[in-house]
N, C-alpha and C. Protein backbone atom coordinates (compact mmCIF):
# COMPACT_ATOMS: atom_id res chain seq x y z
N MET A 1 146.40 -50.08 64.71
CA MET A 1 146.61 -49.28 63.52
C MET A 1 147.79 -49.60 62.77
N LYS A 2 148.89 -49.86 63.45
CA LYS A 2 150.11 -50.13 62.75
C LYS A 2 150.02 -51.41 61.81
N ALA A 3 149.00 -52.41 62.35
CA ALA A 3 148.82 -53.59 61.50
C ALA A 3 148.05 -53.25 60.20
N VAL A 4 147.15 -52.26 60.25
CA VAL A 4 146.48 -51.77 59.09
C VAL A 4 147.38 -51.21 58.14
N PHE A 5 148.29 -50.41 58.50
CA PHE A 5 149.23 -49.84 57.47
C PHE A 5 150.15 -50.82 57.01
N ALA A 6 150.49 -51.94 57.87
CA ALA A 6 151.44 -52.84 57.34
C ALA A 6 150.71 -53.67 56.19
N VAL A 7 149.46 -54.01 56.45
CA VAL A 7 148.68 -54.70 55.50
C VAL A 7 148.44 -53.95 54.20
N LEU A 8 148.25 -52.60 54.38
CA LEU A 8 148.07 -51.79 53.11
C LEU A 8 149.41 -51.64 52.38
N GLY A 9 150.37 -51.63 53.12
CA GLY A 9 151.77 -51.31 52.48
C GLY A 9 152.11 -52.64 51.73
N THR A 10 151.82 -53.82 52.20
CA THR A 10 152.04 -55.09 51.63
C THR A 10 151.17 -55.09 50.25
N VAL A 11 149.90 -54.78 50.40
CA VAL A 11 149.04 -54.83 49.26
C VAL A 11 149.51 -53.91 48.23
N LEU A 12 149.95 -52.74 48.56
CA LEU A 12 150.45 -51.70 47.53
C LEU A 12 151.69 -52.16 46.85
N LEU A 13 152.55 -52.77 47.75
CA LEU A 13 153.90 -53.37 47.03
C LEU A 13 153.52 -54.49 46.13
N CYS A 14 152.63 -55.39 46.52
CA CYS A 14 152.19 -56.45 45.49
C CYS A 14 151.55 -55.88 44.29
N VAL A 15 150.79 -54.89 44.30
CA VAL A 15 150.10 -54.21 43.22
C VAL A 15 151.31 -53.72 42.30
N ILE A 16 152.15 -52.90 42.98
CA ILE A 16 153.32 -52.26 42.22
C ILE A 16 154.28 -53.47 41.44
N LEU A 17 154.51 -54.32 42.20
CA LEU A 17 155.42 -55.47 41.53
C LEU A 17 154.67 -56.28 40.49
N SER A 18 153.41 -56.25 40.60
CA SER A 18 152.68 -57.13 39.63
C SER A 18 152.62 -56.58 38.25
N GLY A 19 152.92 -55.24 38.05
CA GLY A 19 153.05 -54.56 36.76
C GLY A 19 151.73 -53.90 36.46
N PRO A 20 151.59 -53.18 35.37
CA PRO A 20 150.53 -52.41 35.02
C PRO A 20 149.24 -53.18 34.91
N ALA A 21 148.10 -52.70 35.33
CA ALA A 21 146.91 -53.35 35.07
C ALA A 21 146.38 -53.64 33.68
N SER A 22 146.92 -52.77 32.71
CA SER A 22 146.56 -53.02 31.42
C SER A 22 147.19 -54.10 30.73
N ALA A 23 148.19 -54.78 31.35
CA ALA A 23 149.00 -55.88 30.77
C ALA A 23 148.12 -57.05 30.34
N GLN A 24 147.03 -57.25 31.10
CA GLN A 24 146.03 -58.27 30.73
C GLN A 24 144.88 -57.69 30.39
N PRO A 25 144.27 -58.24 29.35
CA PRO A 25 142.93 -57.80 28.84
C PRO A 25 141.82 -58.11 29.91
N ALA A 26 140.93 -57.24 29.95
CA ALA A 26 139.86 -57.45 30.90
C ALA A 26 138.98 -58.68 30.47
N PRO A 27 138.17 -59.33 31.44
CA PRO A 27 137.44 -60.50 30.90
C PRO A 27 136.53 -60.04 29.81
N GLY A 28 136.39 -60.84 28.75
CA GLY A 28 135.48 -60.59 27.67
C GLY A 28 136.19 -59.72 26.51
N GLN A 29 137.40 -59.34 26.95
CA GLN A 29 138.03 -58.32 25.81
C GLN A 29 139.24 -59.22 25.25
N ALA A 30 139.26 -58.86 23.84
CA ALA A 30 140.17 -59.75 23.13
C ALA A 30 141.70 -59.08 23.40
N ALA A 31 142.72 -59.94 23.27
CA ALA A 31 144.17 -59.38 23.54
C ALA A 31 144.47 -58.54 22.43
N LYS A 32 145.31 -57.55 22.78
CA LYS A 32 145.72 -56.68 21.76
C LYS A 32 146.51 -57.31 20.55
N PRO A 33 146.06 -57.03 19.35
CA PRO A 33 146.65 -57.87 18.18
C PRO A 33 148.15 -57.39 17.99
N LYS A 34 148.99 -58.30 17.62
CA LYS A 34 150.37 -58.09 17.63
C LYS A 34 150.61 -57.64 16.06
N ILE A 35 151.44 -56.70 15.96
CA ILE A 35 151.77 -55.99 14.61
C ILE A 35 152.91 -56.83 14.03
N ALA A 36 152.74 -57.24 12.65
CA ALA A 36 153.54 -58.06 11.99
C ALA A 36 153.91 -57.20 10.60
N PHE A 37 155.21 -57.63 10.17
CA PHE A 37 155.76 -56.95 8.87
C PHE A 37 155.80 -57.87 8.00
N ARG A 38 155.19 -57.69 6.85
CA ARG A 38 155.28 -58.61 5.56
C ARG A 38 155.76 -57.89 4.37
N GLY A 39 155.92 -58.56 3.27
CA GLY A 39 156.21 -57.84 1.97
C GLY A 39 157.76 -57.88 1.81
N GLY A 40 158.15 -56.92 1.04
CA GLY A 40 159.58 -56.86 0.61
C GLY A 40 160.41 -55.92 1.51
N PRO A 41 161.50 -55.35 0.91
CA PRO A 41 162.51 -54.56 1.78
C PRO A 41 161.98 -53.10 1.65
N GLY A 42 160.89 -52.76 0.85
CA GLY A 42 160.38 -51.51 0.98
C GLY A 42 160.97 -50.52 0.13
N ASP A 43 161.93 -50.89 -1.10
CA ASP A 43 162.52 -49.93 -1.94
C ASP A 43 161.62 -49.27 -2.86
N THR A 44 160.45 -49.94 -3.30
CA THR A 44 159.58 -49.38 -4.23
C THR A 44 158.15 -49.76 -3.61
N PRO A 45 157.16 -49.08 -4.27
CA PRO A 45 155.82 -49.46 -3.58
C PRO A 45 155.40 -50.91 -3.92
N GLU A 46 156.01 -51.51 -5.15
CA GLU A 46 155.70 -52.84 -5.19
C GLU A 46 156.31 -53.75 -4.33
N THR A 47 157.24 -53.48 -3.57
CA THR A 47 158.04 -54.24 -2.63
C THR A 47 157.92 -53.69 -1.23
N ALA A 48 156.87 -52.84 -1.00
CA ALA A 48 156.53 -52.20 0.20
C ALA A 48 156.67 -53.06 1.44
N VAL A 49 157.05 -52.61 2.47
CA VAL A 49 156.82 -53.28 3.77
C VAL A 49 155.41 -53.15 4.18
N VAL A 50 154.65 -54.38 4.36
CA VAL A 50 153.28 -54.33 4.57
C VAL A 50 153.10 -54.43 6.08
N ILE A 51 152.50 -53.48 6.70
CA ILE A 51 152.10 -53.50 8.11
C ILE A 51 150.77 -54.10 8.46
N LEU A 52 150.78 -55.38 9.11
CA LEU A 52 149.49 -55.99 9.62
C LEU A 52 149.32 -55.87 11.06
N GLY A 53 148.00 -55.86 11.38
CA GLY A 53 147.65 -55.80 12.71
C GLY A 53 147.59 -54.47 13.58
N ALA A 54 147.86 -53.52 12.94
CA ALA A 54 147.61 -52.17 13.51
C ALA A 54 146.22 -51.77 13.69
N SER A 55 145.85 -51.51 14.94
CA SER A 55 144.36 -51.21 15.10
C SER A 55 144.02 -49.88 14.56
N ASP A 56 144.95 -48.95 14.53
CA ASP A 56 144.47 -47.53 13.91
C ASP A 56 145.83 -46.85 13.49
N SER A 57 145.74 -45.70 13.04
CA SER A 57 146.75 -45.05 12.38
C SER A 57 147.90 -44.66 13.49
N ILE A 58 147.69 -44.54 14.72
CA ILE A 58 148.59 -44.14 15.72
C ILE A 58 149.48 -45.51 15.91
N ALA A 59 148.90 -46.42 15.99
CA ALA A 59 149.75 -47.70 16.18
C ALA A 59 150.45 -48.08 14.90
N GLY A 60 149.87 -47.81 13.72
CA GLY A 60 150.58 -48.15 12.54
C GLY A 60 151.77 -47.12 12.31
N ILE A 61 151.77 -45.90 12.79
CA ILE A 61 152.79 -45.08 12.45
C ILE A 61 153.89 -45.39 13.46
N ALA A 62 153.56 -45.73 14.53
CA ALA A 62 154.46 -46.09 15.70
C ALA A 62 155.17 -47.44 15.16
N ALA A 63 154.60 -48.25 14.44
CA ALA A 63 155.10 -49.56 14.00
C ALA A 63 156.18 -49.17 12.91
N GLU A 64 155.81 -48.09 11.99
CA GLU A 64 156.76 -47.73 11.00
C GLU A 64 158.15 -47.36 11.55
N TYR A 65 157.93 -46.46 12.62
CA TYR A 65 159.26 -45.95 13.08
C TYR A 65 160.03 -47.10 14.00
N SER A 66 159.24 -48.08 14.50
CA SER A 66 159.92 -49.10 15.26
C SER A 66 160.66 -49.87 14.15
N TYR A 67 160.04 -50.09 12.90
CA TYR A 67 160.62 -51.05 12.02
C TYR A 67 161.99 -50.22 11.53
N LEU A 68 161.89 -48.92 11.31
CA LEU A 68 163.10 -48.11 10.76
C LEU A 68 164.10 -48.32 11.71
N GLU A 69 163.78 -48.16 13.01
CA GLU A 69 164.87 -48.22 14.01
C GLU A 69 165.46 -49.48 14.15
N LYS A 70 164.83 -50.62 14.00
CA LYS A 70 165.37 -52.02 13.92
C LYS A 70 166.22 -52.19 12.82
N LYS A 71 165.75 -51.70 11.66
CA LYS A 71 166.63 -51.82 10.51
C LYS A 71 167.70 -51.02 10.26
N PHE A 72 167.69 -49.69 10.83
CA PHE A 72 168.69 -48.80 10.47
C PHE A 72 169.46 -48.09 11.71
N GLY A 73 168.86 -48.43 12.91
CA GLY A 73 169.45 -47.87 14.09
C GLY A 73 168.47 -46.67 14.60
N ARG A 74 168.99 -46.08 15.66
CA ARG A 74 168.17 -45.00 16.31
C ARG A 74 167.98 -43.83 15.42
N GLN A 75 166.67 -43.32 15.44
CA GLN A 75 166.33 -42.11 14.75
C GLN A 75 167.14 -40.80 15.23
N ASN A 76 167.45 -39.92 14.44
CA ASN A 76 168.25 -38.90 14.84
C ASN A 76 169.81 -39.10 15.29
N LEU A 77 170.10 -40.41 15.26
CA LEU A 77 171.43 -40.66 15.53
C LEU A 77 172.14 -41.44 14.16
N ALA A 78 171.47 -42.58 13.93
CA ALA A 78 171.77 -43.28 12.68
C ALA A 78 171.05 -42.75 11.44
N TRP A 79 169.93 -42.09 11.45
CA TRP A 79 169.29 -41.65 10.32
C TRP A 79 168.23 -40.35 10.81
N ARG A 80 167.86 -39.62 9.90
CA ARG A 80 166.89 -38.53 10.12
C ARG A 80 165.86 -38.62 8.87
N LEU A 81 164.56 -38.41 9.45
CA LEU A 81 163.50 -38.28 8.52
C LEU A 81 163.63 -37.11 7.76
N ARG A 82 163.80 -36.99 6.35
CA ARG A 82 164.03 -35.92 5.58
C ARG A 82 162.45 -35.34 5.09
N ARG A 83 161.70 -36.39 4.73
CA ARG A 83 160.35 -36.24 4.17
C ARG A 83 159.54 -37.38 4.42
N GLN A 84 158.31 -37.16 4.53
CA GLN A 84 157.27 -38.34 4.61
C GLN A 84 156.05 -37.83 3.64
N GLY A 85 155.53 -38.74 3.02
CA GLY A 85 154.45 -38.60 2.26
C GLY A 85 153.42 -39.56 2.00
N ILE A 86 152.26 -39.41 1.66
CA ILE A 86 151.36 -40.59 1.27
C ILE A 86 151.24 -40.59 -0.26
N LEU A 87 151.09 -41.92 -0.68
CA LEU A 87 151.02 -42.17 -2.13
C LEU A 87 149.88 -43.21 -2.34
N ASN A 88 149.00 -42.91 -3.10
CA ASN A 88 147.85 -43.75 -3.57
C ASN A 88 148.19 -44.32 -4.92
N GLN A 89 148.29 -45.66 -4.94
CA GLN A 89 148.59 -46.23 -6.15
C GLN A 89 147.95 -47.62 -6.26
N LYS A 90 147.16 -47.88 -7.41
CA LYS A 90 146.74 -49.07 -7.62
C LYS A 90 145.70 -49.70 -6.39
N GLY A 91 145.00 -48.86 -5.84
CA GLY A 91 144.09 -49.32 -4.91
C GLY A 91 144.75 -49.39 -3.56
N LYS A 92 145.92 -49.08 -3.39
CA LYS A 92 146.57 -49.25 -2.04
C LYS A 92 147.10 -47.86 -1.66
N VAL A 93 147.38 -47.71 -0.36
CA VAL A 93 147.88 -46.47 0.26
C VAL A 93 149.28 -46.88 0.81
N TYR A 94 150.17 -45.90 0.46
CA TYR A 94 151.61 -46.25 0.97
C TYR A 94 152.06 -44.91 1.65
N ASP A 95 152.95 -45.30 2.59
CA ASP A 95 153.62 -44.14 3.37
C ASP A 95 155.08 -44.18 2.68
N ARG A 96 155.65 -43.03 2.16
CA ARG A 96 156.89 -42.91 1.60
C ARG A 96 157.84 -42.27 2.74
N MET A 97 158.83 -42.86 3.15
CA MET A 97 159.70 -42.21 4.11
C MET A 97 161.10 -42.06 3.50
N ASP A 98 161.47 -40.87 3.48
CA ASP A 98 162.75 -40.51 2.87
C ASP A 98 163.71 -40.11 4.01
N LEU A 99 164.88 -40.85 4.00
CA LEU A 99 165.67 -40.86 5.11
C LEU A 99 167.14 -40.23 4.73
N ASP A 100 167.92 -39.62 5.58
CA ASP A 100 169.10 -39.11 5.43
C ASP A 100 170.08 -39.94 6.47
N MET A 101 170.91 -40.79 6.06
CA MET A 101 171.67 -41.62 6.79
C MET A 101 172.82 -40.83 7.37
N GLN A 102 173.38 -41.40 8.50
CA GLN A 102 174.52 -40.84 9.11
C GLN A 102 175.63 -40.60 8.20
N ASP A 103 175.88 -41.53 7.42
CA ASP A 103 177.01 -41.68 6.44
C ASP A 103 176.84 -40.61 5.27
N GLY A 104 175.79 -39.91 5.23
CA GLY A 104 175.43 -39.13 4.08
C GLY A 104 174.61 -39.56 2.91
N SER A 105 174.42 -40.97 3.10
CA SER A 105 173.65 -41.62 1.92
C SER A 105 172.09 -41.37 2.17
N LYS A 106 171.31 -41.60 1.10
CA LYS A 106 169.74 -41.40 1.30
C LYS A 106 169.31 -42.68 1.06
N LYS A 107 168.10 -42.95 1.85
CA LYS A 107 167.27 -44.13 1.53
C LYS A 107 165.89 -43.75 1.61
N THR A 108 165.07 -44.50 0.80
CA THR A 108 163.61 -44.33 0.67
C THR A 108 162.95 -45.67 1.08
N VAL A 109 162.03 -45.67 1.91
CA VAL A 109 161.27 -46.90 2.35
C VAL A 109 159.83 -46.66 2.19
N PHE A 110 159.15 -47.59 1.56
CA PHE A 110 157.74 -47.57 1.34
C PHE A 110 157.04 -48.58 2.15
N PHE A 111 156.03 -48.04 2.85
CA PHE A 111 155.16 -48.91 3.71
C PHE A 111 153.74 -49.02 3.20
N ASP A 112 153.22 -50.16 3.02
CA ASP A 112 151.78 -50.33 2.67
C ASP A 112 150.97 -50.14 3.92
N ILE A 113 150.25 -49.16 3.94
CA ILE A 113 149.45 -48.73 5.26
C ILE A 113 148.07 -48.96 4.90
N SER A 114 147.71 -49.55 3.86
CA SER A 114 146.18 -49.66 3.53
C SER A 114 145.25 -50.24 4.61
N GLU A 115 145.80 -51.29 5.29
CA GLU A 115 144.97 -51.84 6.43
C GLU A 115 144.54 -50.92 7.68
N PHE A 116 145.39 -49.90 7.83
CA PHE A 116 145.02 -49.05 9.12
C PHE A 116 144.92 -47.50 8.72
N PHE A 117 145.28 -47.18 7.48
CA PHE A 117 145.09 -45.85 7.05
C PHE A 117 143.73 -45.23 7.33
N GLY A 118 143.58 -44.10 7.96
CA GLY A 118 142.40 -43.38 8.26
C GLY A 118 141.70 -43.91 9.41
N LYS A 119 141.99 -45.06 10.07
CA LYS A 119 141.41 -45.44 11.24
C LYS A 119 141.85 -44.66 12.48
N LEU A 120 140.88 -44.31 13.16
CA LEU A 120 141.20 -43.48 14.48
C LEU A 120 141.06 -44.35 15.72
């Protein structure tokens, strides 16, 4: 009986150390697409940061916040979101993010979210 528990313990340890099962796609499934940022600095809709590869709105919104944290620092420490709104312009959909920076300045960043907007 002790040998059975030893084997089960070893198997369990190997499973834990190998990482989450979702790290590898199942056979026949495509790997999760990587999100990329293109476009400009996002100061205006014309220079918006374009989010590519988001499979749905949840992934796209997470990408927006990830981008903002990489560019400006941690949310609620280096900056706070003052307002967020959707803008439809010239056949594109933009997310406008108005930020209050820690130093008192204000920034606005536009994201082109046309690729994933409305996808569930």
